[in-house]
Amino acid sequence: VQLVESGGGLVQPGGSLRLSCVASGFTFSSYAMNWYRQAPGKERELVATINSAGSSTNYADSMKGRFTVSRDNAKNTVYLQMNSLKPEDTAVYYCNVRRYVSYWGQGTQVTVSS
């Protein structure tokens, strides 16, 4: 299993970013996918989940209305569209799949700062 995130960077407060995670090594369309994040000095927290078909999503309360998770099963890719970014969204964002065990990507840094 391999998960490769991209799309992070430096953005001003109120800005937007779109993260991508390309998956390989398993049948992507059969598994729910998750996005997590970890800020410096804090525990890793769940950001969003999308089911295998892409028909159901869930978000942490602080992301509702600002973040949108989606997937393209033909491209083995899950996305996280982040709008109205705040400094407290600064973190490393990770893609995750639970397939017997939990697999993680290397993460992509998102920094929200003026």
PDB file of N, CA and C in Angstrom:
ATOM      1  N   VAL A   1       0.848  -1.189   0.000  1.00  0.00           N
ATOM      2  CA  VAL A   1       0.000   0.000   0.000  1.00  0.00           C
ATOM      3  C   VAL A   1       0.885   1.240   0.000  1.00  0.00           C
ATOM      4  N   GLN A   2       0.558   2.158  -0.877  1.00  0.00           N
ATOM      5  CA  GLN A   2       1.283   3.420  -0.912  1.00  0.00           C
ATOM      6  C   GLN A   2       0.289   4.560  -1.053  1.00  0.00           C
ATOM      7  N   LEU A   3       0.492   5.591  -0.237  1.00  0.00           N
ATOM      8  CA  LEU A   3      -0.334   6.790  -0.277  1.00  0.00           C
ATOM      9  C   LEU A   3       0.597   7.979  -0.429  1.00  0.00           C
ATOM     10  N   VAL A   4       0.362   8.807  -1.431  1.00  0.00           N
ATOM     11  CA  VAL A   4       1.244   9.938  -1.694  1.00  0.00           C
ATOM     12  C   VAL A   4       0.419  11.215  -1.760  1.00  0.00           C
ATOM     13  N   GLU A   5       0.636  12.066  -0.758  1.00  0.00           N
ATOM     14  CA  GLU A   5      -0.083  13.338  -0.693  1.00  0.00           C
ATOM     15  C   GLU A   5       0.674  14.433  -1.425  1.00  0.00           C
ATOM     16  N   SER A   6      -0.060  15.419  -1.882  1.00  0.00           N
ATOM     17  CA  SER A   6       0.529  16.603  -2.500  1.00  0.00           C
ATOM     18  C   SER A   6      -0.457  17.753  -2.390  1.00  0.00           C
ATOM     19  N   GLY A   7       0.026  18.955  -2.694  1.00  0.00           N
ATOM     20  CA  GLY A   7      -0.850  20.113  -2.734  1.00  0.00           C
ATOM     21  C   GLY A   7      -0.727  21.078  -1.572  1.00  0.00           C
ATOM     22  N   GLY A   8       0.071  20.727  -0.579  1.00  0.00           N
ATOM     23  CA  GLY A   8       0.249  21.624   0.540  1.00  0.00           C
ATOM     24  C   GLY A   8       1.067  22.850   0.164  1.00  0.00           C
ATOM     25  N   GLY A   9       1.175  23.776   1.101  1.00  0.00           N
ATOM     26  CA  GLY A   9       1.950  24.981   0.853  1.00  0.00           C
ATOM     27  C   GLY A   9       1.610  26.076   1.831  1.00  0.00           C
ATOM     28  N   LEU A  10       2.094  27.267   1.517  1.00  0.00           N
ATOM     29  CA  LEU A  10       1.845  28.450   2.335  1.00  0.00           C
ATOM     30  C   LEU A  10       0.688  29.236   1.719  1.00  0.00           C
ATOM     31  N   VAL A  11      -0.290  29.578   2.542  1.00  0.00           N
ATOM     32  CA  VAL A  11      -1.450  30.327   2.061  1.00  0.00           C
ATOM     33  C   VAL A  11      -1.840  31.357   3.118  1.00  0.00           C
ATOM     34  N   GLN A  12      -2.383  32.458   2.667  1.00  0.00           N
ATOM     35  CA  GLN A  12      -2.826  33.495   3.600  1.00  0.00           C
ATOM     36  C   GLN A  12      -4.158  33.115   4.236  1.00  0.00           C
ATOM     37  N   PRO A  13      -4.440  33.640   5.413  1.00  0.00           N
ATOM     38  CA  PRO A  13      -5.751  33.398   6.027  1.00  0.00           C
ATOM     39  C   PRO A  13      -6.876  33.779   5.074  1.00  0.00           C
ATOM     40  N   GLY A  14      -7.874  32.931   5.022  1.00  0.00           N
ATOM     41  CA  GLY A  14      -8.982  33.131   4.096  1.00  0.00           C
ATOM     42  C   GLY A  14      -8.784  32.486   2.748  1.00  0.00           C
ATOM     43  N   GLY A  15      -7.597  31.995   2.500  1.00  0.00           N
ATOM     44  CA  GLY A  15      -7.293  31.377   1.211  1.00  0.00           C
ATOM     45  C   GLY A  15      -7.742  29.936   1.131  1.00  0.00           C
ATOM     46  N   SER A  16      -7.393  29.320   0.003  1.00  0.00           N
ATOM     47  CA  SER A  16      -7.811  27.948  -0.274  1.00  0.00           C
ATOM     48  C   SER A  16      -6.642  27.104  -0.750  1.00  0.00           C
ATOM     49  N   LEU A  17      -6.744  25.820  -0.492  1.00  0.00           N
ATOM     50  CA  LEU A  17      -5.811  24.835  -1.018  1.00  0.00           C
ATOM     51  C   LEU A  17      -6.592  23.565  -1.327  1.00  0.00           C
ATOM     52  N   ARG A  18      -6.059  22.814  -2.290  1.00  0.00           N
ATOM     53  CA  ARG A  18      -6.626  21.505  -2.608  1.00  0.00           C
ATOM     54  C   ARG A  18      -5.529  20.458  -2.481  1.00  0.00           C
ATOM     55  N   LEU A  19      -5.731  19.549  -1.532  1.00  0.00           N
ATOM     56  CA  LEU A  19      -4.797  18.459  -1.343  1.00  0.00           C
ATOM     57  C   LEU A  19      -5.241  17.249  -2.149  1.00  0.00           C
ATOM     58  N   SER A  20      -4.271  16.480  -2.595  1.00  0.00           N
ATOM     59  CA  SER A  20      -4.539  15.237  -3.314  1.00  0.00           C
ATOM     60  C   SER A  20      -3.781  14.102  -2.658  1.00  0.00           C
ATOM     61  N   CYS A  21      -4.327  12.913  -2.769  1.00  0.00           N
ATOM     62  CA  CYS A  21      -3.663  11.712  -2.275  1.00  0.00           C
ATOM     63  C   CYS A  21      -3.876  10.616  -3.311  1.00  0.00           C
ATOM     64  N   VAL A  22      -2.784  10.173  -3.904  1.00  0.00           N
ATOM     65  CA  VAL A  22      -2.842   9.092  -4.889  1.00  0.00           C
ATOM     66  C   VAL A  22      -2.505   7.784  -4.189  1.00  0.00           C
ATOM     67  N   ALA A  23      -3.381   6.818  -4.342  1.00  0.00           N
ATOM     68  CA  ALA A  23      -3.238   5.535  -3.664  1.00  0.00           C
ATOM     69  C   ALA A  23      -2.859   4.433  -4.647  1.00  0.00           C
ATOM     70  N   SER A  24      -2.119   3.452  -4.147  1.00  0.00           N
ATOM     71  CA  SER A  24      -1.772   2.291  -4.953  1.00  0.00           C
ATOM     72  C   SER A  24      -1.543   1.099  -4.043  1.00  0.00           C
ATOM     73  N   GLY A  25      -1.586  -0.091  -4.633  1.00  0.00           N
ATOM     74  CA  GLY A  25      -1.306  -1.292  -3.874  1.00  0.00           C
ATOM     75  C   GLY A  25      -2.504  -1.971  -3.252  1.00  0.00           C
ATOM     76  N   PHE A  26      -3.677  -1.446  -3.496  1.00  0.00           N
ATOM     77  CA  PHE A  26      -4.905  -2.062  -3.015  1.00  0.00           C
ATOM     78  C   PHE A  26      -6.044  -1.611  -3.916  1.00  0.00           C
ATOM     79  N   THR A  27      -7.198  -2.234  -3.735  1.00  0.00           N
ATOM     80  CA  THR A  27      -8.364  -1.893  -4.548  1.00  0.00           C
ATOM     81  C   THR A  27      -9.005  -0.641  -3.964  1.00  0.00           C
ATOM     82  N   PHE A  28      -8.585   0.483  -4.482  1.00  0.00           N
ATOM     83  CA  PHE A  28      -8.947   1.792  -3.924  1.00  0.00           C
ATOM     84  C   PHE A  28     -10.462   1.948  -3.800  1.00  0.00           C
ATOM     85  N   SER A  29     -11.196   1.533  -4.800  1.00  0.00           N
ATOM     86  CA  SER A  29     -12.644   1.756  -4.833  1.00  0.00           C
ATOM     87  C   SER A  29     -13.410   0.943  -3.797  1.00  0.00           C
ATOM     88  N   SER A  30     -12.720   0.072  -3.081  1.00  0.00           N
ATOM     89  CA  SER A  30     -13.377  -0.765  -2.073  1.00  0.00           C
ATOM     90  C   SER A  30     -13.253  -0.241  -0.657  1.00  0.00           C
ATOM     91  N   TYR A  31     -12.506   0.840  -0.471  1.00  0.00           N
ATOM     92  CA  TYR A  31     -12.190   1.301   0.879  1.00  0.00           C
ATOM     93  C   TYR A  31     -12.556   2.758   1.118  1.00  0.00           C
ATOM     94  N   ALA A  32     -13.068   2.996   2.317  1.00  0.00           N
ATOM     95  CA  ALA A  32     -13.202   4.371   2.765  1.00  0.00           C
ATOM     96  C   ALA A  32     -11.815   4.981   2.931  1.00  0.00           C
ATOM     97  N   MET A  33     -11.744   6.278   2.748  1.00  0.00           N
ATOM     98  CA  MET A  33     -10.481   6.994   2.885  1.00  0.00           C
ATOM     99  C   MET A  33     -10.643   8.124   3.911  1.00  0.00           C
ATOM    100  N   ASN A  34      -9.553   8.436   4.574  1.00  0.00           N
ATOM    101  CA  ASN A  34      -9.575   9.446   5.620  1.00  0.00           C
ATOM    102  C   ASN A  34      -8.471  10.478   5.403  1.00  0.00           C
ATOM    103  N   TRP A  35      -8.762  11.684   5.840  1.00  0.00           N
ATOM    104  CA  TRP A  35      -7.735  12.713   5.963  1.00  0.00           C
ATOM    105  C   TRP A  35      -7.576  13.032   7.453  1.00  0.00           C
ATOM    106  N   TYR A  36      -6.339  13.085   7.898  1.00  0.00           N
ATOM    107  CA  TYR A  36      -5.990  13.493   9.254  1.00  0.00           C
ATOM    108  C   TYR A  36      -5.052  14.694   9.165  1.00  0.00           C
ATOM    109  N   ARG A  37      -4.874  15.330  10.297  1.00  0.00           N
ATOM    110  CA  ARG A  37      -3.852  16.375  10.375  1.00  0.00           C
ATOM    111  C   ARG A  37      -3.203  16.358  11.749  1.00  0.00           C
ATOM    112  N   GLN A  38      -1.984  16.871  11.791  1.00  0.00           N
ATOM    113  CA  GLN A  38      -1.259  16.970  13.062  1.00  0.00           C
ATOM    114  C   GLN A  38      -0.520  18.289  13.105  1.00  0.00           C
ATOM    115  N   ALA A  39      -0.914  19.108  14.064  1.00  0.00           N
ATOM    116  CA  ALA A  39      -0.252  20.388  14.292  1.00  0.00           C
ATOM    117  C   ALA A  39       0.905  20.190  15.271  1.00  0.00           C
ATOM    118  N   PRO A  40       1.882  21.089  15.243  1.00  0.00           N
ATOM    119  CA  PRO A  40       3.024  20.964  16.153  1.00  0.00           C
ATOM    120  C   PRO A  40       2.572  20.878  17.616  1.00  0.00           C
ATOM    121  N   GLY A  41       3.067  19.885  18.310  1.00  0.00           N
ATOM    122  CA  GLY A  41       2.752  19.737  19.727  1.00  0.00           C
ATOM    123  C   GLY A  41       1.370  19.199  20.029  1.00  0.00           C
ATOM    124  N   LYS A  42       0.650  18.802  18.989  1.00  0.00           N
ATOM    125  CA  LYS A  42      -0.713  18.292  19.194  1.00  0.00           C
ATOM    126  C   LYS A  42      -0.837  16.875  18.648  1.00  0.00           C
ATOM    127  N   GLU A  43      -1.879  16.194  19.094  1.00  0.00           N
ATOM    128  CA  GLU A  43      -2.146  14.845  18.589  1.00  0.00           C
ATOM    129  C   GLU A  43      -2.737  14.906  17.183  1.00  0.00           C
ATOM    130  N   ARG A  44      -2.536  13.820  16.469  1.00  0.00           N
ATOM    131  CA  ARG A  44      -3.133  13.718  15.141  1.00  0.00           C
ATOM    132  C   ARG A  44      -4.653  13.637  15.286  1.00  0.00           C
ATOM    133  N   GLU A  45      -5.367  14.388  14.446  1.00  0.00           N
ATOM    134  CA  GLU A  45      -6.819  14.411  14.546  1.00  0.00           C
ATOM    135  C   GLU A  45      -7.460  14.113  13.190  1.00  0.00           C
ATOM    136  N   LEU A  46      -8.619  13.493  13.248  1.00  0.00           N
ATOM    137  CA  LEU A  46      -9.363  13.169  12.033  1.00  0.00           C
ATOM    138  C   LEU A  46      -9.993  14.439  11.457  1.00  0.00           C
ATOM    139  N   VAL A  47      -9.792  14.639  10.166  1.00  0.00           N
ATOM    140  CA  VAL A  47     -10.336  15.808   9.483  1.00  0.00           C
ATOM    141  C   VAL A  47     -11.619  15.438   8.736  1.00  0.00           C
ATOM    142  N   ALA A  48     -11.544  14.380   7.919  1.00  0.00           N
ATOM    143  CA  ALA A  48     -12.689  14.027   7.079  1.00  0.00           C
ATOM    144  C   ALA A  48     -12.582  12.572   6.647  1.00  0.00           C
ATOM    145  N   THR A  49     -13.731  11.993   6.371  1.00  0.00           N
ATOM    146  CA  THR A  49     -13.832  10.624   5.897  1.00  0.00           C
ATOM    147  C   THR A  49     -14.787  10.581   4.714  1.00  0.00           C
ATOM    148  N   ILE A  50     -14.459   9.732   3.746  1.00  0.00           N
ATOM    149  CA  ILE A  50     -15.343   9.524   2.607  1.00  0.00           C
ATOM    150  C   ILE A  50     -15.479   8.028   2.376  1.00  0.00           C
ATOM    151  N   ASN A  51     -16.695   7.585   2.099  1.00  0.00           N
ATOM    152  CA  ASN A  51     -16.888   6.152   1.920  1.00  0.00           C
ATOM    153  C   ASN A  51     -16.343   5.692   0.562  1.00  0.00           C
ATOM    154  N   SER A  52     -16.401   4.397   0.324  1.00  0.00           N
ATOM    155  CA  SER A  52     -15.740   3.842  -0.852  1.00  0.00           C
ATOM    156  C   SER A  52     -16.342   4.364  -2.161  1.00  0.00           C
ATOM    157  N   ALA A  53     -17.637   4.607  -2.167  1.00  0.00           N
ATOM    158  CA  ALA A  53     -18.299   5.072  -3.390  1.00  0.00           C
ATOM    159  C   ALA A  53     -18.249   6.584  -3.555  1.00  0.00           C
ATOM    160  N   GLY A  54     -17.885   7.259  -2.484  1.00  0.00           N
ATOM    161  CA  GLY A  54     -17.881   8.718  -2.538  1.00  0.00           C
ATOM    162  C   GLY A  54     -19.231   9.340  -2.267  1.00  0.00           C
ATOM    163  N   SER A  55     -20.171   8.538  -1.807  1.00  0.00           N
ATOM    164  CA  SER A  55     -21.538   9.016  -1.611  1.00  0.00           C
ATOM    165  C   SER A  55     -21.818   9.504  -0.190  1.00  0.00           C
ATOM    166  N   SER A  56     -20.879   9.287   0.715  1.00  0.00           N
ATOM    167  CA  SER A  56     -21.088   9.697   2.100  1.00  0.00           C
ATOM    168  C   SER A  56     -19.792  10.264   2.661  1.00  0.00           C
ATOM    169  N   THR A  57     -19.909  11.399   3.329  1.00  0.00           N
ATOM    170  CA  THR A  57     -18.740  12.050   3.910  1.00  0.00           C
ATOM    171  C   THR A  57     -19.027  12.458   5.349  1.00  0.00           C
ATOM    172  N   ASN A  58     -17.972  12.570   6.119  1.00  0.00           N
ATOM    173  CA  ASN A  58     -18.085  13.070   7.487  1.00  0.00           C
ATOM    174  C   ASN A  58     -16.902  13.986   7.769  1.00  0.00           C
ATOM    175  N   TYR A  59     -17.157  14.986   8.609  1.00  0.00           N
ATOM    176  CA  TYR A  59     -16.131  15.982   8.916  1.00  0.00           C
ATOM    177  C   TYR A  59     -16.062  16.242  10.410  1.00  0.00           C
ATOM    178  N   ALA A  60     -14.863  16.609  10.864  1.00  0.00           N
ATOM    179  CA  ALA A  60     -14.744  17.133  12.209  1.00  0.00           C
ATOM    180  C   ALA A  60     -15.503  18.456  12.278  1.00  0.00           C
ATOM    181  N   ASP A  61     -16.020  18.754  13.448  1.00  0.00           N
ATOM    182  CA  ASP A  61     -16.890  19.928  13.592  1.00  0.00           C
ATOM    183  C   ASP A  61     -16.209  21.209  13.115  1.00  0.00           C
ATOM    184  N   SER A  62     -14.941  21.364  13.416  1.00  0.00           N
ATOM    185  CA  SER A  62     -14.258  22.614  13.085  1.00  0.00           C
ATOM    186  C   SER A  62     -14.008  22.784  11.580  1.00  0.00           C
ATOM    187  N   MET A  63     -14.193  21.726  10.795  1.00  0.00           N
ATOM    188  CA  MET A  63     -13.986  21.777   9.352  1.00  0.00           C
ATOM    189  C   MET A  63     -15.279  21.846   8.557  1.00  0.00           C
ATOM    190  N   LYS A  64     -16.395  21.568   9.214  1.00  0.00           N
ATOM    191  CA  LYS A  64     -17.666  21.561   8.490  1.00  0.00           C
ATOM    192  C   LYS A  64     -17.940  22.907   7.848  1.00  0.00           C
ATOM    193  N   GLY A  65     -18.317  22.859   6.590  1.00  0.00           N
ATOM    194  CA  GLY A  65     -18.629  24.075   5.860  1.00  0.00           C
ATOM    195  C   GLY A  65     -17.437  24.739   5.207  1.00  0.00           C
ATOM    196  N   ARG A  66     -16.234  24.316   5.585  1.00  0.00           N
ATOM    197  CA  ARG A  66     -15.023  24.895   4.995  1.00  0.00           C
ATOM    198  C   ARG A  66     -14.245  23.879   4.155  1.00  0.00           C
ATOM    199  N   PHE A  67     -14.270  22.634   4.567  1.00  0.00           N
ATOM    200  CA  PHE A  67     -13.512  21.575   3.889  1.00  0.00           C
ATOM    201  C   PHE A  67     -14.472  20.640   3.158  1.00  0.00           C
ATOM    202  N   THR A  68     -14.027  20.141   2.020  1.00  0.00           N
ATOM    203  CA  THR A  68     -14.804  19.169   1.258  1.00  0.00           C
ATOM    204  C   THR A  68     -13.901  18.031   0.813  1.00  0.00           C
ATOM    205  N   VAL A  69     -14.279  16.817   1.175  1.00  0.00           N
ATOM    206  CA  VAL A  69     -13.534  15.636   0.749  1.00  0.00           C
ATOM    207  C   VAL A  69     -14.260  15.007  -0.438  1.00  0.00           C
ATOM    208  N   SER A  70     -13.485  14.562  -1.401  1.00  0.00           N
ATOM    209  CA  SER A  70     -14.051  13.903  -2.586  1.00  0.00           C
ATOM    210  C   SER A  70     -13.066  12.858  -3.085  1.00  0.00           C
ATOM    211  N   ARG A  71     -13.502  12.058  -4.027  1.00  0.00           N
ATOM    212  CA  ARG A  71     -12.614  11.026  -4.560  1.00  0.00           C
ATOM    213  C   ARG A  71     -12.941  10.755  -6.015  1.00  0.00           C
ATOM    214  N   ASP A  72     -11.927  10.280  -6.716  1.00  0.00           N
ATOM    215  CA  ASP A  72     -12.084   9.833  -8.099  1.00  0.00           C
ATOM    216  C   ASP A  72     -11.551   8.408  -8.149  1.00  0.00           C
ATOM    217  N   ASN A  73     -12.440   7.447  -8.132  1.00  0.00           N
ATOM    218  CA  ASN A  73     -12.014   6.048  -8.088  1.00  0.00           C
ATOM    219  C   ASN A  73     -11.318   5.612  -9.381  1.00  0.00           C
ATOM    220  N   ALA A  74     -11.584   6.291 -10.470  1.00  0.00           N
ATOM    221  CA  ALA A  74     -10.903   5.969 -11.729  1.00  0.00           C
ATOM    222  C   ALA A  74      -9.431   6.389 -11.685  1.00  0.00           C
ATOM    223  N   LYS A  75      -9.131   7.378 -10.829  1.00  0.00           N
ATOM    224  CA  LYS A  75      -7.761   7.877 -10.716  1.00  0.00           C
ATOM    225  C   LYS A  75      -7.094   7.452  -9.412  1.00  0.00           C
ATOM    226  N   ASN A  76      -7.789   6.620  -8.610  1.00  0.00           N
ATOM    227  CA  ASN A  76      -7.241   6.181  -7.313  1.00  0.00           C
ATOM    228  C   ASN A  76      -6.791   7.379  -6.475  1.00  0.00           C
ATOM    229  N   THR A  77      -7.597   8.419  -6.459  1.00  0.00           N
ATOM    230  CA  THR A  77      -7.205   9.658  -5.814  1.00  0.00           C
ATOM    231  C   THR A  77      -8.328  10.177  -4.919  1.00  0.00           C
ATOM    232  N   VAL A  78      -7.933  10.645  -3.748  1.00  0.00           N
ATOM    233  CA  VAL A  78      -8.853  11.324  -2.835  1.00  0.00           C
ATOM    234  C   VAL A  78      -8.357  12.754  -2.664  1.00  0.00           C
ATOM    235  N   TYR A  79      -9.298  13.675  -2.563  1.00  0.00           N
ATOM    236  CA  TYR A  79      -8.981  15.097  -2.494  1.00  0.00           C
ATOM    237  C   TYR A  79      -9.513  15.707  -1.195  1.00  0.00           C
ATOM    238  N   LEU A  80      -8.896  16.798  -0.803  1.00  0.00           N
ATOM    239  CA  LEU A  80      -9.417  17.596   0.297  1.00  0.00           C
ATOM    240  C   LEU A  80      -9.357  19.053  -0.142  1.00  0.00           C
ATOM    241  N   GLN A  81     -10.513  19.627  -0.433  1.00  0.00           N
ATOM    242  CA  GLN A  81     -10.606  21.039  -0.771  1.00  0.00           C
ATOM    243  C   GLN A  81     -10.782  21.823   0.525  1.00  0.00           C
ATOM    244  N   MET A  82      -9.882  22.750   0.761  1.00  0.00           N
ATOM    245  CA  MET A  82      -9.907  23.522   2.002  1.00  0.00           C
ATOM    246  C   MET A  82     -10.103  24.994   1.666  1.00  0.00           C
ATOM    247  N   ASN A  83     -11.183  25.559   2.152  1.00  0.00           N
ATOM    248  CA  ASN A  83     -11.502  26.965   1.919  1.00  0.00           C
ATOM    249  C   ASN A  83     -11.525  27.718   3.246  1.00  0.00           C
ATOM    250  N   SER A  84     -11.493  29.037   3.152  1.00  0.00           N
ATOM    251  CA  SER A  84     -11.558  29.892   4.348  1.00  0.00           C
ATOM    252  C   SER A  84     -10.547  29.430   5.395  1.00  0.00           C
ATOM    253  N   LEU A  85      -9.338  29.213   4.967  1.00  0.00           N
ATOM    254  CA  LEU A  85      -8.317  28.671   5.863  1.00  0.00           C
ATOM    255  C   LEU A  85      -7.970  29.655   6.967  1.00  0.00           C
ATOM    256  N   LYS A  86      -7.682  29.099   8.127  1.00  0.00           N
ATOM    257  CA  LYS A  86      -7.348  29.868   9.322  1.00  0.00           C
ATOM    258  C   LYS A  86      -5.945  29.476   9.796  1.00  0.00           C
ATOM    259  N   PRO A  87      -5.285  30.343  10.534  1.00  0.00           N
ATOM    260  CA  PRO A  87      -3.953  29.978  11.057  1.00  0.00           C
ATOM    261  C   PRO A  87      -3.968  28.668  11.846  1.00  0.00           C
ATOM    262  N   GLU A  88      -5.058  28.390  12.534  1.00  0.00           N
ATOM    263  CA  GLU A  88      -5.145  27.148  13.308  1.00  0.00           C
ATOM    264  C   GLU A  88      -5.297  25.898  12.441  1.00  0.00           C
ATOM    265  N   ASP A  89      -5.438  26.071  11.133  1.00  0.00           N
ATOM    266  CA  ASP A  89      -5.443  24.928  10.220  1.00  0.00           C
ATOM    267  C   ASP A  89      -4.023  24.506   9.853  1.00  0.00           C
ATOM    268  N   THR A  90      -3.033  25.262  10.283  1.00  0.00           N
ATOM    269  CA  THR A  90      -1.646  24.916  10.013  1.00  0.00           C
ATOM    270  C   THR A  90      -1.312  23.564  10.624  1.00  0.00           C
ATOM    271  N   ALA A  91      -0.846  22.646   9.788  1.00  0.00           N
ATOM    272  CA  ALA A  91      -0.568  21.282  10.234  1.00  0.00           C
ATOM    273  C   ALA A  91       0.018  20.496   9.065  1.00  0.00           C
ATOM    274  N   VAL A  92       0.494  19.308   9.390  1.00  0.00           N
ATOM    275  CA  VAL A  92       0.806  18.333   8.350  1.00  0.00           C
ATOM    276  C   VAL A  92      -0.457  17.498   8.125  1.00  0.00           C
ATOM    277  N   TYR A  93      -0.860  17.393   6.890  1.00  0.00           N
ATOM    278  CA  TYR A  93      -2.084  16.666   6.524  1.00  0.00           C
ATOM    279  C   TYR A  93      -1.709  15.307   5.934  1.00  0.00           C
ATOM    280  N   TYR A  94      -2.398  14.281   6.452  1.00  0.00           N
ATOM    281  CA  TYR A  94      -2.089  12.905   6.071  1.00  0.00           C
ATOM    282  C   TYR A  94      -3.308  12.223   5.466  1.00  0.00           C
ATOM    283  N   CYS A  95      -3.045  11.414   4.483  1.00  0.00           N
ATOM    284  CA  CYS A  95      -4.030  10.526   3.901  1.00  0.00           C
ATOM    285  C   CYS A  95      -3.940   9.182   4.637  1.00  0.00           C
ATOM    286  N   ASN A  96      -5.068   8.510   4.830  1.00  0.00           N
ATOM    287  CA  ASN A  96      -5.088   7.276   5.603  1.00  0.00           C
ATOM    288  C   ASN A  96      -6.116   6.297   5.041  1.00  0.00           C
ATOM    289  N   VAL A  97      -5.753   5.026   5.079  1.00  0.00           N
ATOM    290  CA  VAL A  97      -6.720   3.972   4.764  1.00  0.00           C
ATOM    291  C   VAL A  97      -6.548   2.858   5.797  1.00  0.00           C
ATOM    292  N   ARG A  98      -7.652   2.296   6.220  1.00  0.00           N
ATOM    293  CA  ARG A  98      -7.625   1.176   7.170  1.00  0.00           C
ATOM    294  C   ARG A  98      -7.951  -0.100   6.391  1.00  0.00           C
ATOM    295  N   ARG A  99      -6.924  -0.886   6.171  1.00  0.00           N
ATOM    296  CA  ARG A  99      -7.056  -2.145   5.442  1.00  0.00           C
ATOM    297  C   ARG A  99      -6.339  -3.200   6.273  1.00  0.00           C
ATOM    298  N   TYR A 100      -7.037  -3.846   7.174  1.00  0.00           N
ATOM    299  CA  TYR A 100      -6.467  -4.723   8.193  1.00  0.00           C
ATOM    300  C   TYR A 100      -5.656  -3.911   9.199  1.00  0.00           C
ATOM    301  N   VAL A 101      -4.723  -3.152   8.724  1.00  0.00           N
ATOM    302  CA  VAL A 101      -3.997  -2.204   9.571  1.00  0.00           C
ATOM    303  C   VAL A 101      -4.152  -0.826   8.952  1.00  0.00           C
ATOM    304  N   SER A 102      -3.650   0.168   9.648  1.00  0.00           N
ATOM    305  CA  SER A 102      -3.782   1.540   9.170  1.00  0.00           C
ATOM    306  C   SER A 102      -2.533   1.918   8.374  1.00  0.00           C
ATOM    307  N   TYR A 103      -2.750   2.475   7.181  1.00  0.00           N
ATOM    308  CA  TYR A 103      -1.656   2.934   6.344  1.00  0.00           C
ATOM    309  C   TYR A 103      -1.708   4.455   6.222  1.00  0.00           C
ATOM    310  N   TRP A 104      -0.514   5.045   6.168  1.00  0.00           N
ATOM    311  CA  TRP A 104      -0.395   6.505   6.134  1.00  0.00           C
ATOM    312  C   TRP A 104       0.500   6.940   4.985  1.00  0.00           C
ATOM    313  N   GLY A 105       0.218   8.108   4.448  1.00  0.00           N
ATOM    314  CA  GLY A 105       1.142   8.748   3.541  1.00  0.00           C
ATOM    315  C   GLY A 105       2.212   9.482   4.312  1.00  0.00           C
ATOM    316  N   GLN A 106       3.084  10.168   3.570  1.00  0.00           N
ATOM    317  CA  GLN A 106       4.195  10.878   4.205  1.00  0.00           C
ATOM    318  C   GLN A 106       3.758  12.234   4.748  1.00  0.00           C
ATOM    319  N   GLY A 107       2.588  12.683   4.319  1.00  0.00           N
ATOM    320  CA  GLY A 107       2.062  13.971   4.773  1.00  0.00           C
ATOM    321  C   GLY A 107       2.461  15.124   3.870  1.00  0.00           C
ATOM    322  N   THR A 108       1.650  16.165   3.909  1.00  0.00           N
ATOM    323  CA  THR A 108       1.939  17.391   3.183  1.00  0.00           C
ATOM    324  C   THR A 108       1.692  18.579   4.113  1.00  0.00           C
ATOM    325  N   GLN A 109       2.645  19.492   4.158  1.00  0.00           N
ATOM    326  CA  GLN A 109       2.583  20.620   5.093  1.00  0.00           C
ATOM    327  C   GLN A 109       1.655  21.702   4.569  1.00  0.00           C
ATOM    328  N   VAL A 110       0.755  22.130   5.412  1.00  0.00           N
ATOM    329  CA  VAL A 110      -0.103  23.282   5.127  1.00  0.00           C
ATOM    330  C   VAL A 110       0.191  24.349   6.163  1.00  0.00           C
ATOM    331  N   THR A 111       0.572  25.532   5.702  1.00  0.00           N
ATOM    332  CA  THR A 111       0.863  26.649   6.596  1.00  0.00           C
ATOM    333  C   THR A 111      -0.025  27.816   6.220  1.00  0.00           C
ATOM    334  N   VAL A 112      -0.802  28.272   7.186  1.00  0.00           N
ATOM    335  CA  VAL A 112      -1.706  29.400   6.966  1.00  0.00           C
ATOM    336  C   VAL A 112      -1.166  30.580   7.759  1.00  0.00           C
ATOM    337  N   SER A 113      -0.674  31.568   7.047  1.00  0.00           N
ATOM    338  CA  SER A 113      -0.025  32.701   7.711  1.00  0.00           C
ATOM    339  C   SER A 113       0.004  33.896   6.765  1.00  0.00           C
ATOM    340  N   SER A 114      -0.076  35.068   7.375  1.00  0.00           N
ATOM    341  CA  SER A 114       0.038  36.296   6.584  1.00  0.00           C
ATOM    342  C   SER A 114       1.482  36.789   6.556  1.00  0.00           C
TER     343      SER A 114
END
